[in-house]
Protein backbone atom coordinates (compact mmCIF):
# COMPACT_ATOMS: atom_id res chain seq x y z
CA UNK A 1 -6.71 28.63 -0.56
CA UNK A 2 -8.25 26.22 -2.97
CA UNK A 3 -12.01 25.86 -2.16
CA UNK A 4 -13.23 22.38 -1.81
CA UNK A 5 -16.51 21.67 -3.44
CA UNK A 6 -19.16 19.61 -1.56
CA UNK A 7 -18.88 16.93 -4.30
CA UNK A 8 -15.10 16.69 -3.62
CA UNK A 9 -15.56 16.45 0.27
CA UNK A 10 -18.29 13.82 -0.08
CA UNK A 11 -16.30 11.77 -2.52
CA UNK A 12 -13.24 12.02 -0.46
CA UNK A 13 -15.23 10.83 2.67
CA UNK A 14 -16.80 8.03 0.66
CA UNK A 15 -13.44 6.75 -0.51
CA UNK A 16 -12.08 6.95 3.11
CA UNK A 17 -14.92 4.80 4.28
CA UNK A 18 -14.32 2.26 1.51
CA UNK A 19 -10.62 2.29 2.27
CA UNK A 20 -10.29 2.65 5.94
CA UNK A 21 -13.75 1.40 6.94
CA UNK A 22 -13.84 -1.72 4.77
CA UNK A 23 -10.58 -2.52 3.08
CA UNK A 24 -8.00 -1.83 5.79
CA UNK A 25 -8.26 -2.88 9.45
CA UNK A 26 -6.12 0.14 10.56
CA UNK A 27 -4.45 3.13 8.95
CA UNK A 28 -1.60 4.86 10.75
CA UNK A 29 -0.72 8.50 9.69
CA UNK A 30 2.48 9.75 11.37
CA UNK A 31 3.59 13.40 11.42
CA UNK A 32 0.92 14.77 9.18
CA UNK A 33 1.59 18.02 11.00
CA UNK A 34 4.81 18.19 8.98
CA UNK A 35 2.74 19.08 5.87
CA UNK A 36 3.10 22.93 5.56
CA UNK A 37 -0.02 25.06 5.82
CA UNK A 38 -2.44 25.45 2.90
CA UNK A 39 -1.16 28.07 0.50
CA UNK A 40 2.46 26.81 0.76
CA UNK A 41 3.74 25.24 -2.59
CA UNK A 42 4.58 21.64 -1.44
CA UNK A 43 5.63 18.73 -3.56
CA UNK A 44 5.23 15.40 -1.64
CA UNK A 45 7.96 12.83 -2.82
CA UNK A 46 7.07 9.30 -1.61
CA UNK A 47 8.16 5.76 -2.28
CA UNK A 48 5.77 3.82 -4.54
CA UNK A 49 4.77 0.54 -2.87
CA UNK A 50 1.18 -0.15 -3.50
CA UNK A 51 -0.17 1.84 -6.62
CA UNK A 52 -3.57 3.52 -5.82
CA UNK A 53 -3.33 2.89 -2.05
CA UNK A 54 -0.21 5.17 -1.85
CA UNK A 55 -2.17 8.03 -3.27
CA UNK A 56 -5.01 7.50 -0.79
CA UNK A 57 -2.61 7.61 2.09
CA UNK A 58 -1.63 11.10 1.22
CA UNK A 59 -5.19 12.08 0.28
CA UNK A 60 -6.55 11.11 3.82
CA UNK A 61 -3.64 12.73 5.70
CA UNK A 62 -5.36 16.21 5.79
CA UNK A 63 -9.00 17.10 5.62
CA UNK A 64 -8.38 20.83 4.83
CA UNK A 65 -7.28 20.64 1.29
CA UNK A 66 -7.42 19.16 -2.24
CA UNK A 67 -4.29 17.10 -3.10
CA UNK A 68 -2.98 16.88 -6.77
CA UNK A 69 -1.39 13.91 -7.99
CA UNK A 70 0.69 12.62 -10.99
CA UNK A 71 -0.22 8.97 -12.06
CA UNK A 72 0.62 6.56 -14.87
CA UNK A 73 -1.05 7.75 -18.19
CA UNK A 74 -2.55 4.16 -18.88
CA UNK A 75 -4.93 4.61 -15.97
CA UNK A 76 -6.54 7.47 -18.03
CA UNK A 77 -7.15 4.91 -20.84
CA UNK A 78 -9.39 2.71 -18.94
CA UNK A 79 -12.58 4.49 -19.78
CA UNK A 80 -13.33 8.12 -20.91
CA UNK A 81 -15.64 8.57 -17.73
CA UNK A 82 -12.81 7.42 -15.52
CA UNK A 83 -10.43 9.84 -17.23
CA UNK A 84 -12.84 12.70 -16.39
CA UNK A 85 -13.15 11.43 -12.78
CA UNK A 86 -9.26 11.43 -12.47
CA UNK A 87 -8.84 14.87 -13.87
CA UNK A 88 -11.65 16.25 -11.69
CA UNK A 89 -9.98 14.64 -8.58
CA UNK A 90 -6.82 16.40 -9.42
CA UNK A 91 -4.87 13.63 -11.09
CA UNK A 92 -2.55 14.35 -14.14
CA UNK A 93 -1.18 11.77 -16.46
CA UNK A 94 2.57 11.01 -16.64
CA UNK A 95 3.68 9.30 -19.91
CA UNK A 96 6.56 6.78 -19.85
CA UNK A 97 8.88 5.36 -22.39
CA UNK A 98 8.35 1.65 -21.38
CA UNK A 99 4.46 1.95 -21.39
CA UNK A 100 3.34 4.66 -23.80
CA UNK A 101 6.38 4.82 -26.17
CA UNK A 102 8.76 7.54 -27.16
CA UNK A 103 6.27 9.46 -29.32
CA UNK A 104 3.87 9.97 -26.15
CA UNK A 105 6.59 11.57 -24.11
CA UNK A 106 5.96 15.09 -25.50
CA UNK A 107 2.56 14.92 -23.67
CA UNK A 108 4.36 15.33 -20.49
CA UNK A 109 5.14 19.04 -21.18
CA UNK A 110 1.51 19.85 -20.48
CA UNK A 111 1.52 17.81 -17.36
CA UNK A 112 4.68 19.56 -16.16
CA UNK A 113 3.31 22.89 -16.95
CA UNK A 114 0.16 22.33 -14.99
CA UNK A 115 2.00 20.83 -12.08
CA UNK A 116 4.34 23.85 -12.02
CA UNK A 117 1.25 26.08 -12.01
CA UNK A 118 -0.39 24.01 -9.18
CA UNK A 119 2.70 24.59 -7.04
CA UNK A 120 2.80 28.39 -7.90
CA UNK A 121 -0.83 28.46 -6.89
CA UNK A 122 0.17 27.14 -3.38
CA UNK A 123 -1.23 23.61 -3.84
CA UNK A 124 0.02 20.35 -2.52
CA UNK A 125 1.29 17.87 -5.24
CA UNK A 126 2.18 14.15 -4.82
CA UNK A 127 4.76 12.53 -7.10
CA UNK A 128 6.68 9.27 -6.98
CA UNK A 129 10.27 9.83 -7.96
CA UNK A 130 10.76 6.09 -8.69
CA UNK A 131 8.47 6.63 -11.64
CA UNK A 132 6.75 3.30 -11.09
CA UNK A 133 5.74 1.19 -8.18
CA UNK A 134 7.90 -1.51 -6.71
CA UNK A 135 7.02 -5.09 -6.20
CA UNK A 136 9.26 -5.42 -3.19
CA UNK A 137 9.92 -3.49 -0.06
CA UNK A 138 12.88 -1.58 -1.22
CA UNK A 139 13.67 1.98 -2.61
CA UNK A 140 14.22 2.18 -6.42
CA UNK A 141 16.17 4.63 -8.49
CA UNK A 142 14.80 8.22 -8.48
CA UNK A 143 14.24 10.14 -11.63
CA UNK A 144 15.13 13.90 -11.10
CA UNK A 145 12.07 15.02 -13.05
CA UNK A 146 10.15 15.96 -9.80
CA UNK A 147 12.91 18.38 -8.84
CA UNK A 148 13.18 19.90 -12.38
CA UNK A 149 9.42 20.78 -12.08
CA UNK A 150 9.83 22.16 -8.57
CA UNK A 151 12.89 24.42 -9.49
CA UNK A 152 11.26 25.42 -12.80
CA UNK A 153 8.17 26.47 -10.94
CA UNK A 154 10.44 28.61 -8.68
CA UNK A 155 12.16 30.04 -11.80
CA UNK A 156 8.72 31.01 -13.27
CA UNK A 157 8.09 33.02 -10.21
CA UNK A 158 11.49 34.80 -10.54
CA UNK A 159 12.69 32.65 -7.49
CA UNK A 160 10.24 34.63 -5.34
CA UNK A 161 8.12 31.73 -4.32
CA UNK A 162 9.50 29.43 -1.66
CA UNK A 163 8.87 25.86 -2.83
CA UNK A 164 9.19 22.83 -0.50
CA UNK A 165 9.85 19.18 -0.99
CA UNK A 166 8.15 17.00 1.59
CA UNK A 167 9.58 13.46 1.81
CA UNK A 168 7.11 10.73 2.71
CA UNK A 169 7.05 6.97 3.12
CA UNK A 170 4.43 4.35 3.22
CA UNK A 171 4.44 0.66 4.43
CA UNK A 172 1.90 -2.20 4.34
CA UNK A 173 1.38 -5.27 6.54
CA UNK A 174 0.51 -7.10 3.37
CA UNK A 175 0.17 -5.87 -0.14
CA UNK A 176 -2.81 -8.06 -0.76
CA UNK A 177 -6.09 -8.97 0.89
CA UNK A 178 -8.56 -7.19 3.08
CA UNK A 179 -8.26 -6.09 6.82
CA UNK A 180 -4.53 -5.50 6.60
CA UNK A 181 -2.73 -2.52 8.03
CA UNK A 182 -1.31 0.46 6.33
CA UNK A 183 1.11 3.24 7.50
CA UNK A 184 2.33 6.52 6.17
CA UNK A 185 4.74 8.95 7.62
CA UNK A 186 5.84 12.41 6.53
CA UNK A 187 9.38 13.75 6.97
CA UNK A 188 10.81 17.14 7.39
CA UNK A 189 9.99 19.51 4.63
CA UNK A 190 13.06 20.79 2.62
CA UNK A 191 12.99 24.33 1.22
CA UNK A 192 14.52 24.85 -2.23
CA UNK A 193 15.29 28.50 -1.44
CA UNK A 194 18.88 27.93 -0.33
CA UNK A 195 19.63 26.47 -3.69
CA UNK A 196 17.95 29.33 -5.86
CA UNK A 197 21.08 31.26 -6.73
CA UNK A 198 23.25 28.37 -7.49
CA UNK A 199 20.52 26.67 -9.57
CA UNK A 200 20.83 29.39 -12.11
CA UNK A 201 24.33 28.27 -13.06
CA UNK A 202 24.30 24.61 -11.94
CA UNK A 203 20.77 23.23 -12.13
CA UNK A 204 21.69 19.59 -12.41
CA UNK A 205 23.99 19.74 -9.33
CA UNK A 206 21.40 21.34 -7.27
CA UNK A 207 18.86 18.65 -8.33
CA UNK A 208 21.18 15.94 -7.27
CA UNK A 209 21.90 17.48 -3.86
CA UNK A 210 18.34 17.97 -3.06
CA UNK A 211 17.48 14.48 -4.34
CA UNK A 212 20.15 12.95 -2.10
CA UNK A 213 18.45 14.64 0.83
CA UNK A 214 14.93 13.61 -0.05
CA UNK A 215 16.11 9.95 -0.80
CA UNK A 216 17.98 9.66 2.67
CA UNK A 217 14.75 10.85 4.51
CA UNK A 218 12.51 8.35 2.69
CA UNK A 219 15.11 5.54 3.00
CA UNK A 220 15.37 6.26 6.85
CA UNK A 221 11.60 5.94 7.34
CA UNK A 222 10.62 3.02 5.22
CA UNK A 223 11.65 -0.70 5.15
CA UNK A 224 14.32 -0.91 2.51
CA UNK A 225 15.63 -4.41 1.77
CA UNK A 226 18.71 -3.91 -0.44
CA UNK A 227 19.86 -7.41 -0.59
CA UNK A 228 17.56 -8.40 -3.59
CA UNK A 229 19.54 -11.67 -4.20
CA UNK A 230 18.08 -12.88 -0.83
CA UNK A 231 15.02 -10.75 -0.66
CA UNK A 232 12.68 -13.86 -0.47
CA UNK A 233 14.64 -15.27 2.43
CA UNK A 234 14.80 -11.98 4.28
CA UNK A 235 11.09 -11.22 3.90
CA UNK A 236 10.32 -14.76 5.09
CA UNK A 237 12.41 -14.36 8.15
CA UNK A 238 10.70 -11.04 9.13
CA UNK A 239 7.08 -12.31 8.50
CA UNK A 240 7.66 -15.78 10.26
CA UNK A 241 7.19 -16.30 14.02
CA UNK A 242 10.88 -15.91 14.15
CA UNK A 243 10.57 -12.21 13.00
CA UNK A 244 7.66 -11.71 15.55
CA UNK A 245 9.70 -13.05 18.33
CA UNK A 246 12.62 -10.80 17.29
CA UNK A 247 10.32 -7.85 17.57
CA UNK A 248 9.32 -8.84 21.03
CA UNK A 249 12.95 -8.92 22.10
CA UNK A 250 13.05 -5.27 21.16
CA UNK A 251 9.91 -4.60 23.26
CA UNK A 252 7.84 -4.15 20.06
CA UNK A 253 4.38 -5.54 19.47
CA UNK A 254 4.47 -7.41 16.22
CA UNK A 255 0.72 -6.99 15.69
CA UNK A 256 0.93 -3.21 15.61
CA UNK A 257 2.33 -1.96 12.35
CA UNK A 258 4.41 0.97 13.29
CA UNK A 259 6.22 -1.22 15.95
CA UNK A 260 6.63 -4.07 13.63
CA UNK A 261 8.14 -1.75 11.08
CA UNK A 262 10.77 -0.53 13.52
CA UNK A 263 11.72 -4.11 14.48
CA UNK A 264 11.92 -5.12 10.74
CA UNK A 265 14.23 -2.28 10.00
CA UNK A 266 16.48 -3.25 12.87
CA UNK A 267 16.27 -6.90 11.80
CA UNK A 268 17.26 -6.06 8.14
CA UNK A 269 20.05 -3.81 9.32
CA UNK A 270 21.60 -6.58 11.49
CA UNK A 271 21.09 -9.14 8.63
CA UNK A 272 22.88 -6.69 6.20
CA UNK A 273 25.80 -6.26 8.58
CA UNK A 274 27.15 -9.80 8.01
CA UNK A 275 26.63 -13.00 6.08
CA UNK A 276 23.94 -15.17 7.57
CA UNK A 277 23.20 -18.72 6.17
CA UNK A 278 20.39 -17.94 3.82
CA UNK A 279 20.59 -21.29 2.18
CA UNK A 280 19.20 -22.96 5.30
CA UNK A 281 16.42 -20.49 5.48
CA UNK A 282 15.58 -20.99 1.63
CA UNK A 283 15.46 -24.75 2.32
CA UNK A 284 12.98 -24.31 5.13
CA UNK A 285 10.89 -21.78 3.14
CA UNK A 286 10.62 -24.19 0.32
CA UNK A 287 9.65 -27.14 2.37
CA UNK A 288 6.96 -25.08 3.99
CA UNK A 289 5.55 -24.15 0.74
CA UNK A 290 5.52 -27.84 -0.36
CA UNK A 291 3.77 -28.77 2.80
CA UNK A 292 1.28 -25.91 2.37
CA UNK A 293 1.13 -24.59 5.77
CA UNK A 294 2.86 -21.85 7.70
CA UNK A 295 5.66 -21.43 10.16
CA UNK A 296 2.92 -20.61 12.72
CA UNK A 297 1.63 -24.06 12.70
CA UNK A 298 4.96 -25.57 13.75
CA UNK A 299 5.28 -23.17 16.63
CA UNK A 300 1.74 -23.13 17.92
CA UNK A 301 0.96 -26.80 17.01
CA UNK A 302 -2.71 -26.53 16.74
CA UNK A 303 -4.62 -29.01 18.74
CA UNK A 304 -7.35 -31.45 17.54
CA UNK A 305 -9.74 -29.52 19.81
CA UNK A 306 -8.98 -26.23 18.21
CA UNK A 307 -9.37 -27.75 14.80
CA UNK A 308 -12.71 -29.41 15.76
CA UNK A 309 -14.00 -26.09 17.12
CA UNK A 310 -13.01 -24.24 14.01
CA UNK A 311 -14.79 -26.80 11.84
CA UNK A 312 -18.07 -26.51 13.94
CA UNK A 313 -17.92 -22.79 13.87
CA UNK A 314 -17.50 -22.95 10.04
CA UNK A 315 -20.56 -25.42 9.87
CA UNK A 316 -22.80 -23.33 12.08
CA UNK A 317 -22.03 -19.97 10.25
CA UNK A 318 -22.28 -21.70 6.87
CA UNK A 319 -25.84 -20.40 6.14
CA UNK A 320 -24.98 -16.83 6.91
CA UNK A 321 -21.75 -17.17 4.85
CA UNK A 322 -23.87 -18.34 1.73
CA UNK A 323 -26.10 -15.29 2.33
CA UNK A 324 -22.97 -13.04 2.18
CA UNK A 325 -22.03 -14.29 -1.19
CA UNK A 326 -24.01 -11.39 -2.44
CA UNK A 327 -22.14 -8.93 -2.64
CA UNK A 328 -19.00 -10.67 -1.69
CA UNK A 329 -18.52 -12.76 -4.93
CA UNK A 330 -18.84 -9.87 -7.52
CA UNK A 331 -16.75 -7.53 -5.15
CA UNK A 332 -14.00 -10.00 -5.27
CA UNK A 333 -14.12 -11.66 -8.68
CA UNK A 334 -14.89 -8.73 -10.92
CA UNK A 335 -11.70 -6.84 -9.93
CA UNK A 336 -9.79 -9.99 -10.32
CA UNK A 337 -11.22 -10.48 -13.80
CA UNK A 338 -10.22 -6.97 -14.75
CA UNK A 339 -6.81 -7.44 -13.25
CA UNK A 340 -6.20 -10.77 -15.39
CA UNK A 341 -7.55 -9.15 -18.52
CA UNK A 342 -5.01 -6.40 -18.15
CA UNK A 343 -2.36 -9.00 -17.62
CA UNK A 344 -0.94 -7.53 -14.46
CA UNK A 345 1.64 -10.09 -13.94
CA UNK A 346 3.09 -8.95 -10.59
CA UNK A 347 -0.43 -8.61 -9.10
CA UNK A 348 0.22 -5.12 -7.71
CA UNK A 349 -2.71 -3.64 -9.32
CA UNK A 350 -5.46 -6.05 -7.86
CA UNK A 351 -6.04 -4.36 -4.65
CA UNK A 352 -6.16 -0.98 -6.37
CA UNK A 353 -8.82 -2.43 -8.69
CA UNK A 354 -10.61 -3.80 -5.57
CA UNK A 355 -10.90 -0.28 -4.30
CA UNK A 356 -11.57 1.68 -7.38
CA UNK A 357 -14.09 -0.72 -9.08
CA UNK A 358 -15.90 -1.53 -5.80
CA UNK A 359 -16.24 2.11 -4.73
CA UNK A 360 -17.10 3.57 -8.11
CA UNK A 361 -19.23 0.83 -9.69
CA UNK A 362 -20.09 -2.18 -7.69
CA UNK A 363 -20.97 -0.85 -4.19
CA UNK A 364 -23.38 1.92 -5.65
CA UNK A 365 -24.90 -0.73 -8.07
CA UNK A 366 -25.31 -3.40 -5.41
CA UNK A 367 -26.79 -0.93 -3.06
CA UNK A 368 -29.54 0.09 -5.56
CA UNK A 369 -30.24 -3.48 -6.59
CA UNK A 370 -30.47 -4.81 -3.04
CA UNK A 371 -32.69 -2.00 -1.86
CA UNK A 372 -35.07 -2.62 -4.82
CA UNK A 373 -35.26 -6.39 -4.77
CA UNK A 374 -35.20 -6.82 -0.82
CA UNK A 375 -37.61 -3.84 -0.64
CA UNK A 376 -40.17 -5.60 -3.12
CA UNK A 377 -39.83 -8.91 -1.21
CA UNK A 378 -39.71 -7.78 2.59
CA UNK A 379 -40.51 -4.03 2.67
CA UNK A 380 -38.51 -0.88 1.92
CA UNK A 381 -37.17 -0.44 5.47
CA UNK A 382 -35.66 -3.93 5.52
CA UNK A 383 -34.42 -3.45 1.97
CA UNK A 384 -32.70 -0.33 3.13
CA UNK A 385 -31.14 -2.01 6.20
CA UNK A 386 -30.04 -4.93 3.89
CA UNK A 387 -28.39 -2.48 1.42
CA UNK A 388 -26.71 -0.56 4.34
CA UNK A 389 -25.28 -3.80 5.68
CA UNK A 390 -23.56 -4.88 2.37
CA UNK A 391 -19.92 -3.75 3.35
CA UNK A 392 -20.14 -5.59 6.73
CA UNK A 393 -21.48 -8.89 4.86
CA UNK A 394 -18.30 -8.56 2.74
CA UNK A 395 -16.13 -8.30 5.91
CA UNK A 396 -17.85 -11.18 7.53
CA UNK A 397 -17.32 -13.33 4.35
CA UNK A 398 -13.63 -12.34 4.26
CA UNK A 399 -13.06 -13.55 7.80
CA UNK A 400 -15.03 -16.75 7.06
CA UNK A 401 -12.80 -17.62 4.10
CA UNK A 402 -9.80 -16.74 6.22
CA UNK A 403 -10.86 -19.03 8.99
CA UNK A 404 -11.59 -21.79 6.39
CA UNK A 405 -8.17 -21.47 4.91
CA UNK A 406 -6.51 -21.53 8.33
CA UNK A 407 -8.49 -24.69 9.33
CA UNK A 408 -7.42 -26.41 6.14
CA UNK A 409 -3.75 -25.64 6.97
CA UNK A 410 -4.28 -26.89 10.58
CA UNK A 411 -5.69 -30.14 9.13
CA UNK A 412 -2.70 -30.49 6.81
CA UNK A 413 -0.43 -30.02 9.69
CA UNK A 414 -2.10 -32.74 11.77
CA UNK A 415 -1.62 -35.21 8.92
CA UNK A 416 1.91 -34.12 8.05
CA UNK A 417 5.23 -35.65 9.12
CA UNK A 418 6.51 -32.50 10.81
CA UNK A 419 9.77 -33.94 12.10
CA UNK A 420 11.71 -33.00 9.07
CA UNK A 421 10.30 -29.52 8.96
CA UNK A 422 11.20 -29.05 12.67
CA UNK A 423 14.74 -30.05 11.84
CA UNK A 424 14.87 -27.72 8.93
CA UNK A 425 13.45 -24.84 11.09
CA UNK A 426 16.17 -25.40 13.66
CA UNK A 427 18.83 -25.38 11.03
CA UNK A 428 17.54 -22.26 9.64
CA UNK A 429 16.79 -20.25 12.78
CA UNK A 430 19.12 -21.44 15.54
CA UNK A 431 22.21 -20.11 13.80
CA UNK A 432 20.36 -17.01 12.79
CA UNK A 433 19.40 -16.23 16.35
CA UNK A 434 23.05 -16.61 17.40
CA UNK A 435 24.17 -14.42 14.47
CA UNK A 436 21.54 -11.60 15.36
CA UNK A 437 22.54 -11.74 18.99
CA UNK A 438 26.14 -11.16 18.12
CA UNK A 439 25.42 -8.25 15.87
């Protein structure tokens, strides 16, 4: 059993607070009991939906062990100190042709060797068979490298060690923004032992067979939108009020992520069974984007009374919102600057930078500075209380900005000619409802 140092335990607890206490509103971990006991060689194979957050989901699933991970090699190039931190945390670099070039691929041999040794030592290793994160809710093509490592580890033991592949899937209510929900589920472990004898003669065949079983489990657990030609329209349908109403017809609560996921899977399955009119959905979605408010406004039709109350609340809480600009502004814009500097075109790294940069650099620095300056001005106890309150000030600022944006949308709605939008909504969703009811 791998001994967990006090430093590792404290670091893990700190990141859990930063992620689950501040960043996310709720994390659901389902079937963590499927993870084999410590000392069992386990390779967790998971879909890759949200870069660093996918790793945290596995890390937080069990308190009793240190997890080992394989991550993109360019993360190790950010700073030498960050490289040391990743290696200490159990992360190994994976070099890829499209990022580091062909000459760097030979570096993977050391990573593979260390990973195989981790498995033989009875550790739990996480790997993403897609070899890169997705920018959509779908399952990409798997590389068989993860199974080659697992089988080669078994071969190194003379096929005496029983190695397991554990499929896992994750899902997010929204990829970007604070106070969202996240979900991870573990499937049924797959023992490689039944393939050991045949692997000696037909390694590639065995890898493909196991890969198919792993892929089927992951695909059955996650939201996998295969129709990429109409992805925007399908995603719009499921996130709109229409998608929420569809969940309710199935007896699911659309505000609870696991229930909404099951409803979305059913919705996507029914849509895939036929040929709905996506052109009408696209026309409505485009019109909403031009109007700069949401489907929710057309359904709930916010009253002037609600809008006025929201404005009054914003005015009354403005002094406290200004007070919360420290530390909210640096905590938001510094990761944004780093993300823009690295030219992350799809924006998938932003939330990872928000967690990593804030947890490792900004939060400790802001805590010290706040304690010192507030302590000098108002006393050390008040300074300490102010420093301890910083995460909650950030959360308040996030909800304040969220209310501000919602109020602006409500005002736009009150001044817009909504008759055309209502007509487009009916043209998009009325036939769609009939279509889904008949499936």
